[in-house]
Amino acid sequence: MHTALCDDDYPRRCACGDDHSGSILQSSFKSPPLSPFGNYIRADWHLRPKYPRKPLVTCQVANQALPDPSGAVRIPFTPSASAIGGFALGARLWALCFYLTTAVIGCGLFVVMIVLYPFVMVLDRKSRRIFHSINALWANLTAQWFYKTEIYGLENLPGPGEPAVYVANHQSFLDIYTTFQLNRPFKFISKSTIFLIPIIGWAMYLTGHVPLKRMDNKSQVECLRRCYELLTERVPIFFFPEGTRSKDGKLGKFKKGAFTLAVKAKVPVIPITLIGTGELMPSGKENTLRRGTVKMIVHPPIVGDDALELCNQAREVISTTLLAHEALTLTEEIHS
C-alpha cells in the first residue's frame, strides 16, 4: 500500500497537490494504488538539521512487487529531467532555437494544410486524420531536437479508430508537443485565444480542435455538445481537466466536464501522466527551455457510469504516479 507519513509541525504539499500533514495517505480503491514503478512506495518526512524549515522526503522502496491485477504500467526509474544547460542564458537561447525551429517547420506544413483543406472537408470533415498527422509530424520534428520523450503503457491506448476521452495533468507548453507523440487522432480542448496565434492557432482551427471560452457558460455548453458529436463519430477527445497549466508544478483540482462527457457517450477515460515537462519549460517561463527527458505514462482505461467517481479515480491514478516519482527522485538525489 502507498502510505506517506507527514510531520505535523512542518506541513508540505506533495506532488499530487494535496496537503497530507499529520495524516496517513491511503487509497480509496479497494486494492492498493498501482505505482508505475512496480513497487510499494513509503515516503517518510524528515527534517534536514541544516535547514530546519525545509522538510525532506526520503523513500524506502520495498523489495516486494506491487500486486498488479489490472496490468498497471511498470517503468524503470530514471530522473525525469536531466537539467543540462539549465543556466539562465543557455535556457533562453535554447528556447529561442526551439521557437525558431517550430515556426519554420510549422510554416511549411501549414502551406500543405491550406492546399489539402478543400479535399479534407469533403472526404473527412469530422476526423480530419490527415491534418492530425501533420500536427503530429510538426510536434515530433520540433521536439526531437530539444528533449527526449519516454512513453510507457502504449498497450493501454485504444485503437486509432476507437472513441475515448483522454485526460492528463497540465504542467507546460511542451505538453502539447509531447501528447501528439501518441499518434492518435484526438481533438484538443483549448481556450479560444490560442486559435488567434498565427500558424499554430490557425492550424488548430483547420484540424478541428475545439475552442472554449473560460467563464462563459454558453461556450462551455457548446464545447461539450461538439465533443459529444465527435465522440459519436468515433473521434477521441483530449482534455486537461485542471483547466490550465499548473503554476507551481502541483496537480490541481479536476473539473468534471470531461468525465460527464465520457459517461454520456459511454466511452472509456484514458488517464495520462506527464512527468518532466514543467521542469524543462515551467508555466509562466516560456522564454526558457532546459534540455532533458520527459516521461508520458498511459494508464489502463477507466470505465463507469458516475462522472464524479471517474474524475476521482483518474486524478488519484495521476497523483499517485506524480507522488511516487517525486519521492524516488528525491531518494536518488539523497543517495547520489
C-alpha atoms as a PDB file:
ATOM      1  CA  MET A   1       0.000   0.000   0.000  1.00  0.00           C
ATOM      2  CA  HIS A   2       1.176   3.551  -0.740  1.00  0.00           C
ATOM      3  CA  THR A   3       1.475   5.434   2.535  1.00  0.00           C
ATOM      4  CA  ALA A   4       3.071   8.722   3.358  1.00  0.00           C
ATOM      5  CA  LEU A   5       3.802   9.757   6.912  1.00  0.00           C
ATOM      6  CA  CYS A   6       3.955  13.534   7.238  1.00  0.00           C
ATOM      7  CA  ASP A   7       5.454  15.600  10.029  1.00  0.00           C
ATOM      8  CA  ASP A   8       2.714  17.522  11.845  1.00  0.00           C
ATOM      9  CA  ASP A   9       4.886  20.565  12.564  1.00  0.00           C
ATOM     10  CA  TYR A  10       6.128  21.014   9.037  1.00  0.00           C
ATOM     11  CA  PRO A  11       3.251  20.615   6.596  1.00  0.00           C
ATOM     12  CA  ARG A  12       4.134  20.274   2.950  1.00  0.00           C
ATOM     13  CA  ARG A  13       2.031  19.995  -0.170  1.00  0.00           C
ATOM     14  CA  CYS A  14       3.191  16.947  -2.079  1.00  0.00           C
ATOM     15  CA  ALA A  15       3.307  16.201  -5.809  1.00  0.00           C
ATOM     16  CA  CYS A  16      -0.333  15.205  -6.011  1.00  0.00           C
ATOM     17  CA  GLY A  17      -1.331  18.705  -4.902  1.00  0.00           C
ATOM     18  CA  ASP A  18      -2.852  17.712  -1.572  1.00  0.00           C
ATOM     19  CA  ASP A  19      -1.716  18.670   1.925  1.00  0.00           C
ATOM     20  CA  HIS A  20      -1.087  15.426   3.808  1.00  0.00           C
ATOM     21  CA  SER A  21       0.197  16.885   7.070  1.00  0.00           C
ATOM     22  CA  GLY A  22      -0.379  14.718  10.119  1.00  0.00           C
ATOM     23  CA  SER A  23      -2.136  12.032   8.146  1.00  0.00           C
ATOM     24  CA  ILE A  24      -1.533   8.694   6.564  1.00  0.00           C
ATOM     25  CA  LEU A  25      -2.405   8.514   2.892  1.00  0.00           C
ATOM     26  CA  GLN A  26      -4.375   5.515   1.814  1.00  0.00           C
ATOM     27  CA  SER A  27      -6.053   4.930  -1.498  1.00  0.00           C
ATOM     28  CA  SER A  28      -9.829   4.919  -1.622  1.00  0.00           C
ATOM     29  CA  PHE A  29      -9.570   1.980  -4.032  1.00  0.00           C
ATOM     30  CA  LYS A  30     -10.290  -1.472  -2.676  1.00  0.00           C
ATOM     31  CA  SER A  31      -6.893  -2.597  -3.975  1.00  0.00           C
ATOM     32  CA  PRO A  32      -3.646  -0.650  -3.445  1.00  0.00           C
ATOM     33  CA  PRO A  33      -2.992   2.152  -5.931  1.00  0.00           C
ATOM     34  CA  LEU A  34      -0.854   0.890  -8.765  1.00  0.00           C
ATOM     35  CA  SER A  35       2.514   2.548  -8.969  1.00  0.00           C
ATOM     36  CA  PRO A  36       4.038   2.592 -12.455  1.00  0.00           C
ATOM     37  CA  PHE A  37       7.369   1.999 -10.787  1.00  0.00           C
ATOM     38  CA  GLY A  38       6.323  -1.519  -9.766  1.00  0.00           C
ATOM     39  CA  ASN A  39       6.941  -1.195  -6.026  1.00  0.00           C
ATOM     40  CA  TYR A  40       5.344  -0.144  -2.808  1.00  0.00           C
ATOM     41  CA  ILE A  41       6.399   3.391  -2.014  1.00  0.00           C
ATOM     42  CA  ARG A  42       6.735   4.591   1.548  1.00  0.00           C
ATOM     43  CA  ALA A  43       7.606   8.258   1.977  1.00  0.00           C
ATOM     44  CA  ASP A  44       8.747   9.344   5.429  1.00  0.00           C
ATOM     45  CA  TRP A  45       9.012  13.060   6.122  1.00  0.00           C
ATOM     46  CA  HIS A  46      12.119  14.136   7.989  1.00  0.00           C
ATOM     47  CA  LEU A  47      13.980  17.376   8.577  1.00  0.00           C
ATOM     48  CA  ARG A  48      17.455  18.338   7.496  1.00  0.00           C
ATOM     49  CA  PRO A  49      19.357  19.575  10.602  1.00  0.00           C
ATOM     50  CA  LYS A  50      20.989  22.273   8.482  1.00  0.00           C
ATOM     51  CA  TYR A  51      17.661  23.507   7.115  1.00  0.00           C
ATOM     52  CA  PRO A  52      15.131  23.196   9.951  1.00  0.00           C
ATOM     53  CA  ARG A  53      12.275  24.746   7.981  1.00  0.00           C
ATOM     54  CA  LYS A  54      12.628  22.521   4.914  1.00  0.00           C
ATOM     55  CA  PRO A  55      11.024  19.065   5.034  1.00  0.00           C
ATOM     56  CA  LEU A  56      12.784  16.364   3.080  1.00  0.00           C
ATOM     57  CA  VAL A  57      11.251  13.237   1.626  1.00  0.00           C
ATOM     58  CA  THR A  58      13.208  10.032   1.881  1.00  0.00           C
ATOM     59  CA  CYS A  59      11.941   6.785   0.466  1.00  0.00           C
ATOM     60  CA  GLN A  60      12.200   3.158   1.288  1.00  0.00           C
ATOM     61  CA  VAL A  61      11.276   1.021  -1.704  1.00  0.00           C
ATOM     62  CA  ALA A  62      10.171  -2.387  -0.515  1.00  0.00           C
ATOM     63  CA  ASN A  63      11.501  -5.483  -2.236  1.00  0.00           C
ATOM     64  CA  GLN A  64       8.033  -6.941  -2.634  1.00  0.00           C
ATOM     65  CA  ALA A  65       6.464  -6.160  -6.007  1.00  0.00           C
ATOM     66  CA  LEU A  66       3.154  -4.366  -6.044  1.00  0.00           C
ATOM     67  CA  PRO A  67       0.138  -6.565  -6.880  1.00  0.00           C
ATOM     68  CA  ASP A  68      -0.810  -5.924 -10.471  1.00  0.00           C
ATOM     69  CA  PRO A  69      -4.404  -7.099 -11.019  1.00  0.00           C
ATOM     70  CA  SER A  70      -5.181  -4.692 -13.857  1.00  0.00           C
ATOM     71  CA  GLY A  71      -1.982  -4.674 -15.867  1.00  0.00           C
ATOM     72  CA  ALA A  72      -0.598  -1.436 -14.462  1.00  0.00           C
ATOM     73  CA  VAL A  73       2.209   0.256 -16.323  1.00  0.00           C
ATOM     74  CA  ARG A  74       5.669  -0.505 -14.953  1.00  0.00           C
ATOM     75  CA  ILE A  75       8.642   1.612 -15.911  1.00  0.00           C
ATOM     76  CA  PRO A  76      12.273   1.789 -14.815  1.00  0.00           C
ATOM     77  CA  PHE A  77      13.148   4.761 -12.662  1.00  0.00           C
ATOM     78  CA  THR A  78      15.277   7.489 -14.211  1.00  0.00           C
ATOM     79  CA  PRO A  79      15.305  11.203 -13.391  1.00  0.00           C
ATOM     80  CA  SER A  80      12.626  12.966 -15.432  1.00  0.00           C
ATOM     81  CA  ALA A  81      14.694  15.974 -16.338  1.00  0.00           C
ATOM     82  CA  SER A  82      18.432  15.816 -16.692  1.00  0.00           C
ATOM     83  CA  ALA A  83      18.985  19.531 -16.358  1.00  0.00           C
ATOM     84  CA  ILE A  84      21.721  20.025 -18.923  1.00  0.00           C
ATOM     85  CA  GLY A  85      22.190  23.663 -19.861  1.00  0.00           C
ATOM     86  CA  GLY A  86      19.892  24.870 -17.096  1.00  0.00           C
ATOM     87  CA  PHE A  87      21.676  28.230 -16.602  1.00  0.00           C
ATOM     88  CA  ALA A  88      19.582  31.255 -17.442  1.00  0.00           C
ATOM     89  CA  LEU A  89      21.287  32.463 -20.628  1.00  0.00           C
ATOM     90  CA  GLY A  90      21.641  28.963 -22.060  1.00  0.00           C
ATOM     91  CA  ALA A  91      17.994  28.172 -21.304  1.00  0.00           C
ATOM     92  CA  ARG A  92      16.828  31.344 -23.049  1.00  0.00           C
ATOM     93  CA  LEU A  93      18.946  30.691 -26.119  1.00  0.00           C
ATOM     94  CA  TRP A  94      17.715  27.094 -26.239  1.00  0.00           C
ATOM     95  CA  ALA A  95      14.101  28.316 -26.055  1.00  0.00           C
ATOM     96  CA  LEU A  96      14.757  30.782 -28.885  1.00  0.00           C
ATOM     97  CA  CYS A  97      16.121  27.949 -31.020  1.00  0.00           C
ATOM     98  CA  PHE A  98      13.045  25.902 -30.141  1.00  0.00           C
ATOM     99  CA  TYR A  99      10.598  28.598 -31.257  1.00  0.00           C
ATOM    100  CA  LEU A 100      12.523  29.340 -34.452  1.00  0.00           C
ATOM    101  CA  THR A 101      12.557  25.632 -35.314  1.00  0.00           C
ATOM    102  CA  THR A 102       8.860  25.111 -34.612  1.00  0.00           C
ATOM    103  CA  ALA A 103       7.979  28.252 -36.610  1.00  0.00           C
ATOM    104  CA  VAL A 104       9.973  27.206 -39.676  1.00  0.00           C
ATOM    105  CA  ILE A 105       8.560  23.667 -39.630  1.00  0.00           C
ATOM    106  CA  GLY A 106       5.067  24.968 -38.893  1.00  0.00           C
ATOM    107  CA  CYS A 107       5.050  27.443 -41.781  1.00  0.00           C
ATOM    108  CA  GLY A 108       5.977  24.769 -44.294  1.00  0.00           C
ATOM    109  CA  LEU A 109       3.386  22.298 -43.045  1.00  0.00           C
ATOM    110  CA  PHE A 110       0.699  24.986 -42.786  1.00  0.00           C
ATOM    111  CA  VAL A 111       1.008  25.614 -46.526  1.00  0.00           C
ATOM    112  CA  VAL A 112       0.410  21.895 -47.082  1.00  0.00           C
ATOM    113  CA  MET A 113      -2.701  22.064 -44.862  1.00  0.00           C
ATOM    114  CA  ILE A 114      -4.079  25.011 -46.841  1.00  0.00           C
ATOM    115  CA  VAL A 115      -3.668  23.075 -50.107  1.00  0.00           C
ATOM    116  CA  LEU A 116      -5.317  19.959 -48.681  1.00  0.00           C
ATOM    117  CA  TYR A 117      -8.132  21.739 -46.816  1.00  0.00           C
ATOM    118  CA  PRO A 118     -10.847  21.579 -49.550  1.00  0.00           C
ATOM    119  CA  PHE A 119     -10.252  17.853 -50.085  1.00  0.00           C
ATOM    120  CA  VAL A 120     -10.234  17.067 -46.351  1.00  0.00           C
ATOM    121  CA  MET A 121     -13.523  18.922 -45.805  1.00  0.00           C
ATOM    122  CA  VAL A 122     -15.165  16.801 -48.478  1.00  0.00           C
ATOM    123  CA  LEU A 123     -13.656  13.415 -47.605  1.00  0.00           C
ATOM    124  CA  ASP A 124     -13.089  13.528 -43.820  1.00  0.00           C
ATOM    125  CA  ARG A 125     -14.835  16.556 -42.352  1.00  0.00           C
ATOM    126  CA  LYS A 126     -15.208  15.200 -38.786  1.00  0.00           C
ATOM    127  CA  SER A 127     -11.956  13.396 -38.029  1.00  0.00           C
ATOM    128  CA  ARG A 128      -9.524  15.197 -40.404  1.00  0.00           C
ATOM    129  CA  ARG A 129      -6.943  12.484 -39.759  1.00  0.00           C
ATOM    130  CA  ILE A 130      -4.502  13.782 -42.343  1.00  0.00           C
ATOM    131  CA  PHE A 131      -4.383  17.139 -40.536  1.00  0.00           C
ATOM    132  CA  HIS A 132      -3.797  15.417 -37.218  1.00  0.00           C
ATOM    133  CA  SER A 133      -0.926  13.514 -38.825  1.00  0.00           C
ATOM    134  CA  ILE A 134       0.544  16.824 -39.998  1.00  0.00           C
ATOM    135  CA  ASN A 135       0.150  18.258 -36.467  1.00  0.00           C
ATOM    136  CA  ALA A 136       1.919  15.211 -35.042  1.00  0.00           C
ATOM    137  CA  LEU A 137       4.694  15.491 -37.630  1.00  0.00           C
ATOM    138  CA  TRP A 138       5.197  19.149 -36.696  1.00  0.00           C
ATOM    139  CA  ALA A 139       5.392  18.303 -32.975  1.00  0.00           C
ATOM    140  CA  ASN A 140       7.740  15.351 -33.466  1.00  0.00           C
ATOM    141  CA  LEU A 141      10.092  17.171 -35.839  1.00  0.00           C
ATOM    142  CA  THR A 142      10.340  20.026 -33.337  1.00  0.00           C
ATOM    143  CA  ALA A 143      10.627  18.068 -30.090  1.00  0.00           C
ATOM    144  CA  GLN A 144      13.225  15.542 -31.255  1.00  0.00           C
ATOM    145  CA  TRP A 145      15.939  18.219 -31.369  1.00  0.00           C
ATOM    146  CA  PHE A 146      15.272  19.674 -27.928  1.00  0.00           C
ATOM    147  CA  TYR A 147      14.210  16.975 -25.474  1.00  0.00           C
ATOM    148  CA  LYS A 148      13.749  13.240 -25.238  1.00  0.00           C
ATOM    149  CA  THR A 149      10.363  11.624 -24.617  1.00  0.00           C
ATOM    150  CA  GLU A 150       9.946   8.216 -22.999  1.00  0.00           C
ATOM    151  CA  ILE A 151       6.489   6.683 -23.431  1.00  0.00           C
ATOM    152  CA  TYR A 152       5.194   3.832 -21.278  1.00  0.00           C
ATOM    153  CA  GLY A 153       1.921   1.909 -21.427  1.00  0.00           C
ATOM    154  CA  LEU A 154       1.246   2.173 -25.161  1.00  0.00           C
ATOM    155  CA  GLU A 155      -0.589  -1.145 -24.865  1.00  0.00           C
ATOM    156  CA  ASN A 156      -3.286   0.742 -22.899  1.00  0.00           C
ATOM    157  CA  LEU A 157      -4.128   3.021 -25.827  1.00  0.00           C
ATOM    158  CA  PRO A 158      -7.393   2.362 -27.683  1.00  0.00           C
ATOM    159  CA  GLY A 159      -7.109   1.743 -31.411  1.00  0.00           C
ATOM    160  CA  PRO A 160      -6.810   4.758 -33.753  1.00  0.00           C
ATOM    161  CA  GLY A 161     -10.486   4.471 -34.720  1.00  0.00           C
ATOM    162  CA  GLU A 162     -11.871   3.969 -31.211  1.00  0.00           C
ATOM    163  CA  PRO A 163     -13.517   6.872 -29.344  1.00  0.00           C
ATOM    164  CA  ALA A 164     -12.224   7.726 -25.880  1.00  0.00           C
ATOM    165  CA  VAL A 165     -11.728  10.671 -23.543  1.00  0.00           C
ATOM    166  CA  TYR A 166      -8.037  11.249 -22.790  1.00  0.00           C
ATOM    167  CA  VAL A 167      -7.167  13.225 -19.651  1.00  0.00           C
ATOM    168  CA  ALA A 168      -3.732  14.381 -18.487  1.00  0.00           C
ATOM    169  CA  ASN A 169      -2.099  16.681 -15.984  1.00  0.00           C
ATOM    170  CA  HIS A 170      -1.011  20.017 -17.440  1.00  0.00           C
ATOM    171  CA  GLN A 171       2.393  21.451 -16.499  1.00  0.00           C
ATOM    172  CA  SER A 172       3.853  23.161 -19.520  1.00  0.00           C
ATOM    173  CA  PHE A 173       3.526  24.446 -23.068  1.00  0.00           C
ATOM    174  CA  LEU A 174       5.524  21.335 -24.001  1.00  0.00           C
ATOM    175  CA  ASP A 175       2.572  19.094 -23.059  1.00  0.00           C
ATOM    176  CA  ILE A 176       1.050  19.673 -26.498  1.00  0.00           C
ATOM    177  CA  TYR A 177       4.225  18.625 -28.316  1.00  0.00           C
ATOM    178  CA  THR A 178       4.548  15.590 -26.054  1.00  0.00           C
ATOM    179  CA  THR A 179       0.999  14.242 -26.308  1.00  0.00           C
ATOM    180  CA  PHE A 180       0.997  14.500 -30.098  1.00  0.00           C
ATOM    181  CA  GLN A 181       3.566  11.701 -29.989  1.00  0.00           C
ATOM    182  CA  LEU A 182       0.798   9.247 -29.019  1.00  0.00           C
ATOM    183  CA  ASN A 183      -0.227   9.078 -32.702  1.00  0.00           C
ATOM    184  CA  ARG A 184      -3.959   9.095 -32.008  1.00  0.00           C
ATOM    185  CA  PRO A 185      -6.270  11.456 -33.944  1.00  0.00           C
ATOM    186  CA  PHE A 186      -7.795  13.215 -30.912  1.00  0.00           C
ATOM    187  CA  LYS A 187      -9.113  16.755 -30.740  1.00  0.00           C
ATOM    188  CA  PHE A 188      -7.780  19.064 -28.044  1.00  0.00           C
ATOM    189  CA  ILE A 189      -9.991  21.332 -25.974  1.00  0.00           C
ATOM    190  CA  SER A 190      -8.191  24.686 -25.956  1.00  0.00           C
ATOM    191  CA  LYS A 191      -9.020  28.220 -24.894  1.00  0.00           C
ATOM    192  CA  SER A 192     -10.301  30.256 -27.814  1.00  0.00           C
ATOM    193  CA  THR A 193      -7.489  32.837 -27.696  1.00  0.00           C
ATOM    194  CA  ILE A 194      -4.968  30.151 -28.709  1.00  0.00           C
ATOM    195  CA  PHE A 195      -6.710  29.915 -32.087  1.00  0.00           C
ATOM    196  CA  LEU A 196      -5.675  33.522 -32.800  1.00  0.00           C
ATOM    197  CA  ILE A 197      -1.945  32.724 -32.675  1.00  0.00           C
ATOM    198  CA  PRO A 198      -0.511  32.865 -36.210  1.00  0.00           C
ATOM    199  CA  ILE A 199       0.269  29.491 -37.818  1.00  0.00           C
ATOM    200  CA  ILE A 200      -0.188  27.374 -34.648  1.00  0.00           C
ATOM    201  CA  GLY A 201      -3.691  28.653 -33.849  1.00  0.00           C
ATOM    202  CA  TRP A 202      -4.728  28.658 -37.490  1.00  0.00           C
ATOM    203  CA  ALA A 203      -3.514  25.083 -37.904  1.00  0.00           C
ATOM    204  CA  MET A 204      -5.548  24.091 -34.822  1.00  0.00           C
ATOM    205  CA  TYR A 205      -8.638  25.619 -36.441  1.00  0.00           C
ATOM    206  CA  LEU A 206      -8.076  23.730 -39.697  1.00  0.00           C
ATOM    207  CA  THR A 207      -7.544  20.488 -37.776  1.00  0.00           C
ATOM    208  CA  GLY A 208     -10.867  20.875 -35.964  1.00  0.00           C
ATOM    209  CA  HIS A 209      -9.671  21.236 -32.380  1.00  0.00           C
ATOM    210  CA  VAL A 210     -12.399  22.567 -30.095  1.00  0.00           C
ATOM    211  CA  PRO A 211     -12.271  26.160 -28.751  1.00  0.00           C
ATOM    212  CA  LEU A 212     -13.511  27.085 -25.295  1.00  0.00           C
ATOM    213  CA  LYS A 213     -14.068  30.478 -23.684  1.00  0.00           C
ATOM    214  CA  ARG A 214     -13.365  30.262 -19.988  1.00  0.00           C
ATOM    215  CA  MET A 215     -16.018  31.552 -17.596  1.00  0.00           C
ATOM    216  CA  ASP A 216     -18.564  31.542 -20.426  1.00  0.00           C
ATOM    217  CA  ASN A 217     -21.388  29.095 -19.751  1.00  0.00           C
ATOM    218  CA  LYS A 218     -22.702  29.245 -23.302  1.00  0.00           C
ATOM    219  CA  SER A 219     -19.265  28.401 -24.686  1.00  0.00           C
ATOM    220  CA  GLN A 220     -18.893  25.516 -22.246  1.00  0.00           C
ATOM    221  CA  VAL A 221     -22.227  24.021 -23.285  1.00  0.00           C
ATOM    222  CA  GLU A 222     -21.337  24.395 -26.978  1.00  0.00           C
ATOM    223  CA  CYS A 223     -17.921  22.826 -26.370  1.00  0.00           C
ATOM    224  CA  LEU A 224     -19.428  19.751 -24.673  1.00  0.00           C
ATOM    225  CA  ARG A 225     -22.078  19.456 -27.405  1.00  0.00           C
ATOM    226  CA  ARG A 226     -19.432  19.476 -30.105  1.00  0.00           C
ATOM    227  CA  CYS A 227     -17.271  16.994 -28.208  1.00  0.00           C
ATOM    228  CA  TYR A 228     -20.225  14.627 -27.844  1.00  0.00           C
ATOM    229  CA  GLU A 229     -20.864  14.804 -31.581  1.00  0.00           C
ATOM    230  CA  LEU A 230     -17.218  13.999 -32.280  1.00  0.00           C
ATOM    231  CA  LEU A 231     -17.278  11.006 -29.933  1.00  0.00           C
ATOM    232  CA  THR A 232     -20.382   9.647 -31.664  1.00  0.00           C
ATOM    233  CA  GLU A 233     -18.383   9.937 -34.896  1.00  0.00           C
ATOM    234  CA  ARG A 234     -15.637   7.841 -33.231  1.00  0.00           C
ATOM    235  CA  VAL A 235     -13.255  10.795 -32.834  1.00  0.00           C
ATOM    236  CA  PRO A 236     -11.366  10.799 -29.481  1.00  0.00           C
ATOM    237  CA  ILE A 237     -11.156  13.938 -27.335  1.00  0.00           C
ATOM    238  CA  PHE A 238      -8.236  15.160 -25.208  1.00  0.00           C
ATOM    239  CA  PHE A 239      -8.821  17.199 -22.032  1.00  0.00           C
ATOM    240  CA  PHE A 240      -6.538  18.806 -19.485  1.00  0.00           C
ATOM    241  CA  PRO A 241      -9.120  18.643 -16.682  1.00  0.00           C
ATOM    242  CA  GLU A 242      -7.236  21.070 -14.414  1.00  0.00           C
ATOM    243  CA  GLY A 243      -8.340  23.714 -16.912  1.00  0.00           C
ATOM    244  CA  THR A 244      -4.974  25.474 -17.078  1.00  0.00           C
ATOM    245  CA  ARG A 245      -1.275  24.850 -16.644  1.00  0.00           C
ATOM    246  CA  SER A 246      -0.073  24.355 -13.084  1.00  0.00           C
ATOM    247  CA  LYS A 247       1.847  27.395 -11.819  1.00  0.00           C
ATOM    248  CA  ASP A 248       3.722  25.509  -9.088  1.00  0.00           C
ATOM    249  CA  GLY A 249       4.021  22.024 -10.589  1.00  0.00           C
ATOM    250  CA  LYS A 250       1.376  20.599  -8.267  1.00  0.00           C
ATOM    251  CA  LEU A 251      -1.672  18.755  -9.532  1.00  0.00           C
ATOM    252  CA  GLY A 252      -4.786  20.928  -9.351  1.00  0.00           C
ATOM    253  CA  LYS A 253      -8.427  20.013  -8.925  1.00  0.00           C
ATOM    254  CA  PHE A 254     -10.071  18.264 -11.876  1.00  0.00           C
ATOM    255  CA  LYS A 255     -13.140  19.752 -13.475  1.00  0.00           C
ATOM    256  CA  LYS A 256     -15.920  17.248 -14.101  1.00  0.00           C
ATOM    257  CA  GLY A 257     -16.823  18.116 -17.704  1.00  0.00           C
ATOM    258  CA  ALA A 258     -14.584  15.531 -19.391  1.00  0.00           C
ATOM    259  CA  PHE A 259     -15.926  12.734 -17.211  1.00  0.00           C
ATOM    260  CA  THR A 260     -19.553  13.762 -17.649  1.00  0.00           C
ATOM    261  CA  LEU A 261     -18.938  13.593 -21.380  1.00  0.00           C
ATOM    262  CA  ALA A 262     -17.372  10.124 -21.114  1.00  0.00           C
ATOM    263  CA  VAL A 263     -20.382   8.818 -19.142  1.00  0.00           C
ATOM    264  CA  LYS A 264     -22.874  10.324 -21.583  1.00  0.00           C
ATOM    265  CA  ALA A 265     -21.066   8.978 -24.655  1.00  0.00           C
ATOM    266  CA  LYS A 266     -20.306   5.623 -22.938  1.00  0.00           C
ATOM    267  CA  VAL A 267     -16.606   5.719 -23.780  1.00  0.00           C
ATOM    268  CA  PRO A 268     -13.561   4.930 -21.601  1.00  0.00           C
ATOM    269  CA  VAL A 269     -11.399   7.510 -19.874  1.00  0.00           C
ATOM    270  CA  ILE A 270      -7.658   7.142 -20.542  1.00  0.00           C
ATOM    271  CA  PRO A 271      -5.585   8.798 -17.760  1.00  0.00           C
ATOM    272  CA  ILE A 272      -2.131  10.001 -18.812  1.00  0.00           C
ATOM    273  CA  THR A 273       0.633  11.244 -16.514  1.00  0.00           C
ATOM    274  CA  LEU A 274       3.135  13.748 -17.877  1.00  0.00           C
ATOM    275  CA  ILE A 275       6.374  13.990 -15.907  1.00  0.00           C
ATOM    276  CA  GLY A 276       9.145  16.492 -16.503  1.00  0.00           C
ATOM    277  CA  THR A 277       7.648  18.962 -18.981  1.00  0.00           C
ATOM    278  CA  GLY A 278       7.192  21.516 -16.206  1.00  0.00           C
ATOM    279  CA  GLU A 279      10.861  21.175 -15.260  1.00  0.00           C
ATOM    280  CA  LEU A 280      12.059  21.796 -18.811  1.00  0.00           C
ATOM    281  CA  MET A 281       9.719  24.717 -19.561  1.00  0.00           C
ATOM    282  CA  PRO A 282       7.817  25.880 -16.456  1.00  0.00           C
ATOM    283  CA  SER A 283       4.460  27.582 -16.799  1.00  0.00           C
ATOM    284  CA  GLY A 284       5.000  31.331 -16.910  1.00  0.00           C
ATOM    285  CA  LYS A 285       8.604  30.902 -18.085  1.00  0.00           C
ATOM    286  CA  GLU A 286       8.019  30.021 -21.715  1.00  0.00           C
ATOM    287  CA  ASN A 287      11.114  32.053 -22.660  1.00  0.00           C
ATOM    288  CA  THR A 288      13.345  29.352 -21.142  1.00  0.00           C
ATOM    289  CA  LEU A 289      13.917  25.718 -22.078  1.00  0.00           C
ATOM    290  CA  ARG A 290      16.197  23.178 -20.443  1.00  0.00           C
ATOM    291  CA  ARG A 291      17.453  20.046 -22.125  1.00  0.00           C
ATOM    292  CA  GLY A 292      16.335  16.790 -20.589  1.00  0.00           C
ATOM    293  CA  THR A 293      13.915  13.875 -20.668  1.00  0.00           C
ATOM    294  CA  VAL A 294      10.184  13.764 -20.056  1.00  0.00           C
ATOM    295  CA  LYS A 295       8.003  10.756 -19.415  1.00  0.00           C
ATOM    296  CA  MET A 296       4.485  10.080 -20.650  1.00  0.00           C
ATOM    297  CA  ILE A 297       2.677   7.227 -18.903  1.00  0.00           C
ATOM    298  CA  VAL A 298      -0.552   5.859 -20.377  1.00  0.00           C
ATOM    299  CA  HIS A 299      -2.619   4.193 -17.661  1.00  0.00           C
ATOM    300  CA  PRO A 300      -5.251   1.457 -18.150  1.00  0.00           C
ATOM    301  CA  PRO A 301      -8.703   2.701 -19.262  1.00  0.00           C
ATOM    302  CA  ILE A 302     -11.289   3.603 -16.629  1.00  0.00           C
ATOM    303  CA  VAL A 303     -14.982   2.995 -17.292  1.00  0.00           C
ATOM    304  CA  GLY A 304     -18.086   3.728 -15.242  1.00  0.00           C
ATOM    305  CA  ASP A 305     -21.433   5.481 -15.117  1.00  0.00           C
ATOM    306  CA  ASP A 306     -20.659   8.011 -12.369  1.00  0.00           C
ATOM    307  CA  ALA A 307     -18.816  11.119 -13.573  1.00  0.00           C
ATOM    308  CA  LEU A 308     -17.608  12.153 -10.109  1.00  0.00           C
ATOM    309  CA  GLU A 309     -16.237   8.688  -9.396  1.00  0.00           C
ATOM    310  CA  LEU A 310     -14.433   8.631 -12.766  1.00  0.00           C
ATOM    311  CA  CYS A 311     -12.998  12.066 -12.010  1.00  0.00           C
ATOM    312  CA  ASN A 312     -11.705  10.969  -8.598  1.00  0.00           C
ATOM    313  CA  GLN A 313     -10.241   7.725  -9.941  1.00  0.00           C
ATOM    314  CA  ALA A 314      -8.431   9.421 -12.818  1.00  0.00           C
ATOM    315  CA  ARG A 315      -6.990  12.085 -10.547  1.00  0.00           C
ATOM    316  CA  GLU A 316      -5.852   9.531  -7.986  1.00  0.00           C
ATOM    317  CA  VAL A 317      -4.052   7.450 -10.614  1.00  0.00           C
ATOM    318  CA  ILE A 318      -2.198  10.512 -11.894  1.00  0.00           C
ATOM    319  CA  SER A 319      -1.481  11.999  -8.454  1.00  0.00           C
ATOM    320  CA  THR A 320      -0.141   8.676  -7.113  1.00  0.00           C
ATOM    321  CA  THR A 321       2.230   8.422 -10.070  1.00  0.00           C
ATOM    322  CA  LEU A 322       3.468  12.001  -9.607  1.00  0.00           C
ATOM    323  CA  LEU A 323       3.980  11.485  -5.873  1.00  0.00           C
ATOM    324  CA  ALA A 324       5.833   8.203  -6.389  1.00  0.00           C
ATOM    325  CA  HIS A 325       8.119   9.721  -8.996  1.00  0.00           C
ATOM    326  CA  GLU A 326       8.901  12.766  -6.834  1.00  0.00           C
ATOM    327  CA  ALA A 327       9.719  10.521  -3.879  1.00  0.00           C
ATOM    328  CA  LEU A 328      12.033   8.334  -5.926  1.00  0.00           C
ATOM    329  CA  THR A 329      13.706  11.376  -7.487  1.00  0.00           C
ATOM    330  CA  LEU A 330      14.475  12.811  -4.056  1.00  0.00           C
ATOM    331  CA  THR A 331      15.797   9.461  -2.890  1.00  0.00           C
ATOM    332  CA  GLU A 332      18.187   9.327  -5.836  1.00  0.00           C
ATOM    333  CA  GLU A 333      19.358  12.875  -5.030  1.00  0.00           C
ATOM    334  CA  ILE A 334      19.979  11.938  -1.396  1.00  0.00           C
ATOM    335  CA  HIS A 335      21.972   8.836  -2.302  1.00  0.00           C
ATOM    336  CA  SER A 336      23.981  10.472  -5.073  1.00  0.00           C
END
